N, C-alpha and C. Protein backbone atom coordinates (compact mmCIF):
# COMPACT_ATOMS: atom_id res chain seq x y z
N UNK A 1 0.84 -1.18 0.00
CA UNK A 1 0.00 0.00 0.00
C UNK A 1 0.89 1.24 0.00
N UNK A 2 0.53 2.21 -0.80
CA UNK A 2 1.31 3.44 -0.96
C UNK A 2 1.41 4.21 0.35
N UNK A 3 2.53 4.89 0.53
CA UNK A 3 2.73 5.80 1.67
C UNK A 3 2.55 7.22 1.14
N UNK A 4 1.44 7.88 1.49
CA UNK A 4 1.18 9.24 1.01
C UNK A 4 1.78 10.24 1.99
N UNK A 5 2.91 10.81 1.59
CA UNK A 5 3.64 11.76 2.44
C UNK A 5 3.52 13.18 1.89
N UNK A 6 2.63 13.38 0.94
CA UNK A 6 2.56 14.65 0.21
C UNK A 6 2.22 15.84 1.09
N UNK A 7 1.58 15.64 2.23
CA UNK A 7 1.20 16.77 3.08
C UNK A 7 2.04 16.88 4.35
N UNK A 8 3.05 16.02 4.52
CA UNK A 8 3.91 16.08 5.71
C UNK A 8 4.87 17.25 5.56
N UNK A 9 5.07 18.04 6.64
CA UNK A 9 5.85 19.26 6.54
C UNK A 9 7.20 19.25 7.19
N UNK A 10 7.79 18.11 7.47
CA UNK A 10 9.05 18.04 8.19
C UNK A 10 10.18 17.59 7.27
N UNK A 11 11.33 18.29 7.33
CA UNK A 11 12.48 17.89 6.53
C UNK A 11 13.71 17.77 7.43
N UNK A 12 14.51 16.73 7.30
CA UNK A 12 14.30 15.61 6.39
C UNK A 12 13.19 14.70 6.90
N UNK A 13 12.58 13.97 5.99
CA UNK A 13 11.50 13.05 6.31
C UNK A 13 11.96 11.65 5.92
N UNK A 14 11.96 10.75 6.89
CA UNK A 14 12.36 9.36 6.65
C UNK A 14 11.10 8.50 6.63
N UNK A 15 10.89 7.81 5.54
CA UNK A 15 9.78 6.88 5.44
C UNK A 15 10.37 5.48 5.34
N UNK A 16 10.15 4.67 6.36
CA UNK A 16 10.73 3.33 6.43
C UNK A 16 9.63 2.29 6.25
N UNK A 17 9.94 1.24 5.55
CA UNK A 17 9.01 0.14 5.39
C UNK A 17 9.68 -1.16 5.79
N UNK A 18 8.99 -1.96 6.58
CA UNK A 18 9.48 -3.26 7.00
C UNK A 18 9.14 -4.35 5.99
N UNK A 19 8.32 -4.00 4.99
CA UNK A 19 7.85 -5.00 4.04
C UNK A 19 7.67 -4.39 2.65
N UNK A 20 8.73 -4.41 1.87
CA UNK A 20 8.68 -3.92 0.49
C UNK A 20 8.61 -5.16 -0.41
N UNK A 21 7.49 -5.34 -1.11
CA UNK A 21 7.31 -6.57 -1.91
C UNK A 21 8.08 -6.53 -3.22
N UNK A 22 7.89 -7.56 -4.05
CA UNK A 22 8.52 -7.62 -5.37
C UNK A 22 7.73 -6.83 -6.40
N UNK A 23 6.61 -6.24 -6.01
CA UNK A 23 5.87 -5.30 -6.85
C UNK A 23 6.16 -3.90 -6.33
N UNK A 24 5.88 -2.88 -7.15
CA UNK A 24 6.19 -1.50 -6.75
C UNK A 24 5.46 -1.09 -5.48
N UNK A 25 6.20 -0.49 -4.55
CA UNK A 25 5.62 0.17 -3.37
C UNK A 25 5.85 1.67 -3.57
N UNK A 26 4.77 2.44 -3.56
CA UNK A 26 4.83 3.87 -3.85
C UNK A 26 5.04 4.69 -2.59
N UNK A 27 5.88 5.71 -2.71
CA UNK A 27 6.09 6.72 -1.67
C UNK A 27 5.76 8.06 -2.32
N UNK A 28 4.62 8.66 -1.98
CA UNK A 28 4.24 9.95 -2.57
C UNK A 28 5.05 11.05 -1.89
N UNK A 29 5.80 11.80 -2.69
CA UNK A 29 6.74 12.79 -2.17
C UNK A 29 6.03 14.00 -1.57
N UNK A 30 6.57 14.54 -0.46
CA UNK A 30 6.04 15.81 0.06
C UNK A 30 6.20 16.90 -0.99
N UNK A 31 5.32 17.88 -0.99
CA UNK A 31 5.37 18.93 -2.01
C UNK A 31 6.66 19.74 -1.94
N UNK A 32 7.28 19.83 -0.77
CA UNK A 32 8.50 20.63 -0.60
C UNK A 32 9.77 19.86 -0.97
N UNK A 33 9.68 18.56 -1.18
CA UNK A 33 10.87 17.73 -1.36
C UNK A 33 11.59 18.04 -2.67
N UNK A 34 12.90 18.22 -2.58
CA UNK A 34 13.74 18.45 -3.75
C UNK A 34 14.57 17.22 -4.11
N UNK A 35 14.83 16.35 -3.12
CA UNK A 35 15.63 15.14 -3.32
C UNK A 35 14.99 13.98 -2.58
N UNK A 36 15.24 12.78 -3.09
CA UNK A 36 14.86 11.55 -2.40
C UNK A 36 16.07 10.63 -2.40
N UNK A 37 16.34 10.01 -1.26
CA UNK A 37 17.40 9.01 -1.16
C UNK A 37 16.76 7.66 -0.91
N UNK A 38 17.17 6.67 -1.70
CA UNK A 38 16.69 5.30 -1.55
C UNK A 38 17.74 4.52 -0.77
N UNK A 39 17.33 3.80 0.28
CA UNK A 39 18.26 3.01 1.08
C UNK A 39 17.62 1.64 1.31
N UNK A 40 17.88 0.66 0.44
CA UNK A 40 17.28 -0.66 0.61
C UNK A 40 18.12 -1.55 1.53
N UNK A 41 17.46 -2.45 2.22
CA UNK A 41 18.14 -3.48 3.02
C UNK A 41 17.94 -4.82 2.32
N UNK A 42 18.29 -4.86 1.09
CA UNK A 42 18.16 -6.01 0.21
C UNK A 42 18.25 -5.49 -1.21
N UNK A 43 18.56 -6.35 -2.16
CA UNK A 43 18.66 -5.91 -3.54
C UNK A 43 17.30 -5.40 -3.99
N UNK A 44 17.29 -4.21 -4.61
CA UNK A 44 16.03 -3.54 -4.92
C UNK A 44 16.01 -2.99 -6.33
N UNK A 45 14.80 -2.73 -6.80
CA UNK A 45 14.56 -1.92 -7.98
C UNK A 45 13.99 -0.60 -7.50
N UNK A 46 14.33 0.50 -8.18
CA UNK A 46 13.74 1.78 -7.87
C UNK A 46 13.22 2.42 -9.15
N UNK A 47 12.21 3.26 -8.99
CA UNK A 47 11.62 3.95 -10.13
C UNK A 47 10.94 5.22 -9.64
N UNK A 48 10.41 6.01 -10.58
CA UNK A 48 9.74 7.25 -10.21
C UNK A 48 8.74 7.63 -11.29
N UNK A 49 7.83 8.51 -10.92
CA UNK A 49 6.79 8.98 -11.84
C UNK A 49 6.46 10.42 -11.52
N UNK A 50 6.03 11.15 -12.52
CA UNK A 50 5.54 12.49 -12.25
C UNK A 50 5.91 13.53 -13.24
N UNK A 51 7.02 13.40 -13.96
CA UNK A 51 7.24 14.54 -14.81
C UNK A 51 6.77 14.47 -16.22
N UNK A 52 6.66 13.37 -16.81
CA UNK A 52 6.31 13.31 -18.22
C UNK A 52 4.92 12.74 -18.48
N UNK A 53 4.13 12.60 -17.46
CA UNK A 53 2.83 11.95 -17.65
C UNK A 53 2.99 10.44 -17.64
N UNK A 54 1.90 9.74 -17.63
CA UNK A 54 1.91 8.29 -17.53
C UNK A 54 2.16 7.63 -18.88
N UNK A 55 2.80 6.47 -18.83
CA UNK A 55 2.95 5.61 -19.99
C UNK A 55 2.77 4.18 -19.50
N UNK A 56 2.86 3.23 -20.39
CA UNK A 56 2.71 1.84 -19.98
C UNK A 56 3.84 1.39 -19.06
N UNK A 57 4.95 2.11 -19.05
CA UNK A 57 6.08 1.76 -18.20
C UNK A 57 6.15 2.61 -16.92
N UNK A 58 5.22 3.52 -16.71
CA UNK A 58 5.21 4.34 -15.51
C UNK A 58 4.85 3.45 -14.32
N UNK A 59 5.68 3.42 -13.26
CA UNK A 59 5.35 2.59 -12.11
C UNK A 59 4.03 3.00 -11.47
N UNK A 60 3.36 2.03 -10.85
CA UNK A 60 2.15 2.28 -10.08
C UNK A 60 2.17 1.35 -8.88
N UNK A 61 1.63 1.81 -7.77
CA UNK A 61 1.63 1.03 -6.54
C UNK A 61 1.01 -0.35 -6.77
N UNK A 62 1.74 -1.40 -6.38
CA UNK A 62 1.25 -2.76 -6.50
C UNK A 62 1.46 -3.40 -7.86
N UNK A 63 1.94 -2.62 -8.82
CA UNK A 63 2.15 -3.11 -10.19
C UNK A 63 3.46 -3.90 -10.29
N UNK A 64 3.50 -4.85 -11.21
CA UNK A 64 4.73 -5.59 -11.48
C UNK A 64 5.81 -4.62 -11.97
N UNK A 65 7.05 -4.90 -11.61
CA UNK A 65 8.18 -4.07 -12.02
C UNK A 65 8.43 -4.29 -13.51
N UNK A 66 8.50 -3.20 -14.27
CA UNK A 66 8.74 -3.28 -15.70
C UNK A 66 10.22 -3.13 -16.03
N UNK A 67 10.49 -2.78 -17.28
CA UNK A 67 11.88 -2.67 -17.74
C UNK A 67 12.48 -1.31 -17.45
N UNK A 68 11.68 -0.28 -17.19
CA UNK A 68 12.21 1.04 -16.87
C UNK A 68 12.41 1.13 -15.36
N UNK A 69 13.60 0.79 -14.93
CA UNK A 69 13.92 0.71 -13.51
C UNK A 69 15.43 0.83 -13.34
N UNK A 70 15.85 1.10 -12.13
CA UNK A 70 17.26 1.04 -11.77
C UNK A 70 17.43 -0.07 -10.75
N UNK A 71 18.54 -0.77 -10.84
CA UNK A 71 18.86 -1.81 -9.86
C UNK A 71 19.76 -1.20 -8.80
N UNK A 72 19.47 -1.53 -7.56
CA UNK A 72 20.23 -1.00 -6.44
C UNK A 72 20.58 -2.16 -5.52
N UNK A 73 21.87 -2.32 -5.22
CA UNK A 73 22.32 -3.40 -4.34
C UNK A 73 21.97 -3.07 -2.89
N UNK A 74 21.87 -4.10 -2.10
CA UNK A 74 21.56 -3.95 -0.68
C UNK A 74 22.47 -2.94 -0.01
N UNK A 75 21.87 -2.02 0.72
CA UNK A 75 22.54 -1.00 1.52
C UNK A 75 23.28 0.06 0.70
N UNK A 76 23.15 0.02 -0.63
CA UNK A 76 23.62 1.14 -1.45
C UNK A 76 22.65 2.30 -1.25
N UNK A 77 23.10 3.51 -1.52
CA UNK A 77 22.24 4.68 -1.43
C UNK A 77 22.21 5.33 -2.80
N UNK A 78 21.01 5.67 -3.26
CA UNK A 78 20.86 6.37 -4.53
C UNK A 78 20.08 7.65 -4.27
N UNK A 79 20.65 8.79 -4.68
CA UNK A 79 20.00 10.08 -4.48
C UNK A 79 19.42 10.55 -5.80
N UNK A 80 18.13 10.93 -5.78
CA UNK A 80 17.40 11.35 -6.96
C UNK A 80 16.92 12.78 -6.78
N UNK A 81 17.21 13.66 -7.75
CA UNK A 81 16.67 15.02 -7.73
C UNK A 81 15.24 14.94 -8.22
N UNK A 82 14.33 15.48 -7.42
CA UNK A 82 12.91 15.43 -7.76
C UNK A 82 12.46 16.60 -8.62
N UNK A 83 13.13 17.75 -8.49
CA UNK A 83 12.78 18.95 -9.27
C UNK A 83 14.04 19.65 -9.70
N UNK A 84 13.94 20.38 -10.79
CA UNK A 84 15.07 21.18 -11.26
C UNK A 84 15.31 22.33 -10.29
N UNK A 85 16.56 22.80 -10.14
CA UNK A 85 16.85 23.89 -9.20
C UNK A 85 15.99 25.13 -9.42
N UNK A 86 15.66 25.46 -10.66
CA UNK A 86 14.85 26.65 -10.92
C UNK A 86 13.44 26.49 -10.37
N UNK A 87 13.01 25.26 -10.09
CA UNK A 87 11.67 25.01 -9.58
C UNK A 87 11.59 24.98 -8.06
N UNK A 88 12.74 25.08 -7.37
CA UNK A 88 12.76 24.95 -5.92
C UNK A 88 11.88 25.98 -5.22
N UNK A 89 11.76 27.17 -5.78
CA UNK A 89 10.95 28.22 -5.16
C UNK A 89 9.46 28.05 -5.48
N UNK A 90 9.14 27.07 -6.29
CA UNK A 90 7.76 26.85 -6.72
C UNK A 90 7.34 25.42 -6.38
N UNK A 91 6.85 25.18 -5.17
CA UNK A 91 6.53 23.82 -4.75
C UNK A 91 5.52 23.12 -5.64
N UNK A 92 4.71 23.87 -6.38
CA UNK A 92 3.72 23.24 -7.24
C UNK A 92 4.26 22.93 -8.64
N UNK A 93 5.53 23.25 -8.90
CA UNK A 93 6.11 22.99 -10.21
C UNK A 93 6.11 21.49 -10.47
N UNK A 94 5.95 21.14 -11.75
CA UNK A 94 5.97 19.72 -12.09
C UNK A 94 7.34 19.14 -11.81
N UNK A 95 7.36 17.97 -11.38
CA UNK A 95 8.58 17.25 -11.08
C UNK A 95 8.20 15.84 -10.69
N UNK A 96 9.13 15.09 -10.15
CA UNK A 96 8.82 13.74 -9.69
C UNK A 96 7.92 13.85 -8.47
N UNK A 97 6.77 13.26 -8.51
CA UNK A 97 5.81 13.34 -7.40
C UNK A 97 5.71 12.04 -6.63
N UNK A 98 6.14 10.94 -7.21
CA UNK A 98 6.11 9.65 -6.53
C UNK A 98 7.38 8.89 -6.86
N UNK A 99 7.92 8.21 -5.85
CA UNK A 99 9.05 7.32 -6.05
C UNK A 99 8.61 5.92 -5.62
N UNK A 100 9.30 4.92 -6.15
CA UNK A 100 8.89 3.54 -5.95
C UNK A 100 10.09 2.67 -5.62
N UNK A 101 9.85 1.62 -4.83
CA UNK A 101 10.87 0.64 -4.53
C UNK A 101 10.23 -0.74 -4.55
N UNK A 102 10.99 -1.75 -4.99
CA UNK A 102 10.53 -3.14 -5.00
C UNK A 102 11.73 -4.04 -4.72
N UNK A 103 11.48 -5.15 -4.05
CA UNK A 103 12.53 -6.15 -3.85
C UNK A 103 12.79 -6.89 -5.15
N UNK A 104 14.06 -7.23 -5.41
CA UNK A 104 14.39 -7.93 -6.65
C UNK A 104 13.97 -9.40 -6.62
N UNK A 105 14.20 -10.07 -5.48
CA UNK A 105 13.93 -11.52 -5.44
C UNK A 105 13.01 -11.92 -4.30
N UNK A 106 12.59 -10.98 -3.50
CA UNK A 106 11.70 -11.27 -2.38
C UNK A 106 11.44 -10.00 -1.59
N UNK A 107 10.67 -10.13 -0.54
CA UNK A 107 10.34 -8.98 0.30
C UNK A 107 11.59 -8.48 1.01
N UNK A 108 11.77 -7.16 1.02
CA UNK A 108 12.91 -6.53 1.69
C UNK A 108 12.43 -5.42 2.62
N UNK A 109 13.36 -4.90 3.41
CA UNK A 109 13.13 -3.69 4.20
C UNK A 109 13.85 -2.56 3.50
N UNK A 110 13.46 -1.32 3.80
CA UNK A 110 14.15 -0.20 3.20
C UNK A 110 13.56 1.13 3.64
N UNK A 111 14.19 2.20 3.18
CA UNK A 111 13.72 3.54 3.54
C UNK A 111 13.92 4.47 2.36
N UNK A 112 13.08 5.51 2.35
CA UNK A 112 13.25 6.62 1.43
C UNK A 112 13.31 7.88 2.31
N UNK A 113 14.34 8.70 2.07
CA UNK A 113 14.52 9.93 2.84
C UNK A 113 14.31 11.10 1.89
N UNK A 114 13.40 12.00 2.26
CA UNK A 114 13.11 13.19 1.45
C UNK A 114 13.77 14.40 2.09
N UNK A 115 14.40 15.25 1.24
CA UNK A 115 15.12 16.45 1.69
C UNK A 115 14.66 17.67 0.90
N UNK A 116 14.80 18.84 1.51
CA UNK A 116 14.68 20.10 0.76
C UNK A 116 16.02 20.32 0.08
N UNK A 117 16.11 21.36 -0.75
CA UNK A 117 17.39 21.68 -1.41
C UNK A 117 18.47 21.88 -0.37
N UNK A 118 19.63 21.31 -0.62
CA UNK A 118 20.75 21.45 0.29
C UNK A 118 20.70 20.48 1.46
N UNK A 119 19.69 19.64 1.53
CA UNK A 119 19.57 18.69 2.63
C UNK A 119 20.37 17.45 2.41
N UNK A 120 21.66 17.61 2.34
CA UNK A 120 22.57 16.50 2.04
C UNK A 120 22.63 15.56 3.22
């Protein structure tokens, strides 16, 4: 089930899941978030949606993982920019609005950390 964090106002925001399945688990990004960090505790796939509109390969919560994905090894960290720097002053600007994680071979644990600009 998706984690809707779009209205949470705290930065940094850590969203942890004890059960990330082999299908996409959605994390809806807070409107203020400029970056997302993926931290899986198992080999994972990651993906995102929001800037170009939907296509047949756009991830959706509970959907099977398609070919448009990145592979991330256990305990690696991947940082994704959600919006272009020029959009940072405009929280409603289009950008990545949802990020996704799935286990590669079984259920895993993991976290997504959302930051404002400069929240390294």
